[in-house]
Amino acid sequence: MNTETEPTYEIELKIYSREDRKTVMGILADNGYDVGQHKRQKTATGKGVDYYVHATMVASNANTAATKG
């Protein structure tokens, strides 16, 4: 019996391109999210994997978005 539970995130996006994952992670981090990436097996044999970006809003992170005044 597997007692491990999958972590939960506010945002989880399946993104295939490495460059696209890096871009999205940068945008999310700039907007106050704690970000990371992980991969998950497509099938039980594990021969293929999907790549994901995950993010959770952290209230204490600074809002780095520029505002016009």
Protein backbone atom coordinates (compact mmCIF):
# COMPACT_ATOMS: atom_id res chain seq x y z
CA MET A 1 0.00 0.00 0.00
CA ASN A 2 1.40 3.37 -1.04
CA THR A 3 0.91 5.88 1.78
CA GLU A 4 2.56 8.77 -0.06
CA THR A 5 0.22 11.53 -1.16
CA GLU A 6 0.68 13.78 -4.15
CA PRO A 7 1.51 17.38 -3.20
CA THR A 8 -1.12 19.97 -4.04
CA TYR A 9 -0.46 23.28 -5.73
CA GLU A 10 -2.61 26.29 -6.52
CA ILE A 11 -1.40 26.10 -10.11
CA GLU A 12 -0.14 23.09 -12.06
CA LEU A 13 0.55 23.47 -15.79
CA LYS A 14 1.71 20.78 -18.19
CA ILE A 15 4.31 22.45 -20.42
CA TYR A 16 6.37 20.42 -22.89
CA SER A 17 9.07 22.90 -23.91
CA ARG A 18 11.91 23.50 -21.45
CA GLU A 19 12.25 27.12 -22.56
CA ASP A 20 8.52 27.68 -22.12
CA ARG A 21 8.66 26.21 -18.60
CA LYS A 22 11.52 28.58 -17.72
CA THR A 23 9.61 31.58 -19.08
CA VAL A 24 6.39 30.74 -17.23
CA MET A 25 8.28 30.06 -13.99
CA GLY A 26 9.98 33.46 -14.25
CA ILE A 27 6.67 35.26 -14.77
CA LEU A 28 5.04 33.47 -11.83
CA ALA A 29 8.01 34.12 -9.54
CA ASP A 30 8.00 37.82 -10.46
CA ASN A 31 4.35 37.94 -9.39
CA GLY A 32 4.87 36.51 -5.91
CA TYR A 33 4.48 32.77 -6.49
CA ASP A 34 6.70 30.04 -5.08
CA VAL A 35 7.42 27.99 -8.22
CA GLY A 36 9.00 24.70 -9.17
CA GLN A 37 8.80 21.95 -11.72
CA HIS A 38 8.27 18.23 -11.61
CA LYS A 39 7.68 15.33 -13.95
CA ARG A 40 5.11 12.58 -13.78
CA GLN A 41 5.07 9.21 -15.53
CA LYS A 42 2.58 8.99 -18.40
CA THR A 43 2.14 5.24 -17.95
CA ALA A 44 2.83 2.61 -15.31
CA THR A 45 5.96 1.52 -17.20
CA GLY A 46 7.40 5.02 -16.87
CA LYS A 47 8.76 5.09 -20.42
CA GLY A 48 7.24 8.50 -21.04
CA VAL A 49 6.95 11.49 -18.76
CA ASP A 50 5.00 14.75 -18.70
CA TYR A 51 6.67 17.90 -17.40
CA TYR A 52 4.83 20.34 -15.13
CA VAL A 53 5.32 23.77 -13.63
CA HIS A 54 3.69 24.19 -10.21
CA ALA A 55 3.12 27.31 -8.17
CA THR A 56 1.70 28.43 -4.86
CA MET A 57 1.03 32.05 -3.87
CA VAL A 58 3.12 33.13 -0.91
CA ALA A 59 1.62 36.14 0.86
CA SER A 60 4.98 37.29 2.22
CA ASN A 61 6.59 37.49 -1.24
CA ALA A 62 7.09 41.02 -2.49
CA ASN A 63 4.85 42.31 -5.23
CA THR A 64 7.40 43.13 -7.93
CA ALA A 65 4.84 44.26 -10.49
CA ALA A 66 5.50 47.82 -11.62
CA THR A 67 2.64 50.25 -11.15
CA LYS A 68 2.05 53.46 -13.04
CA GLY A 69 1.33 56.45 -10.91
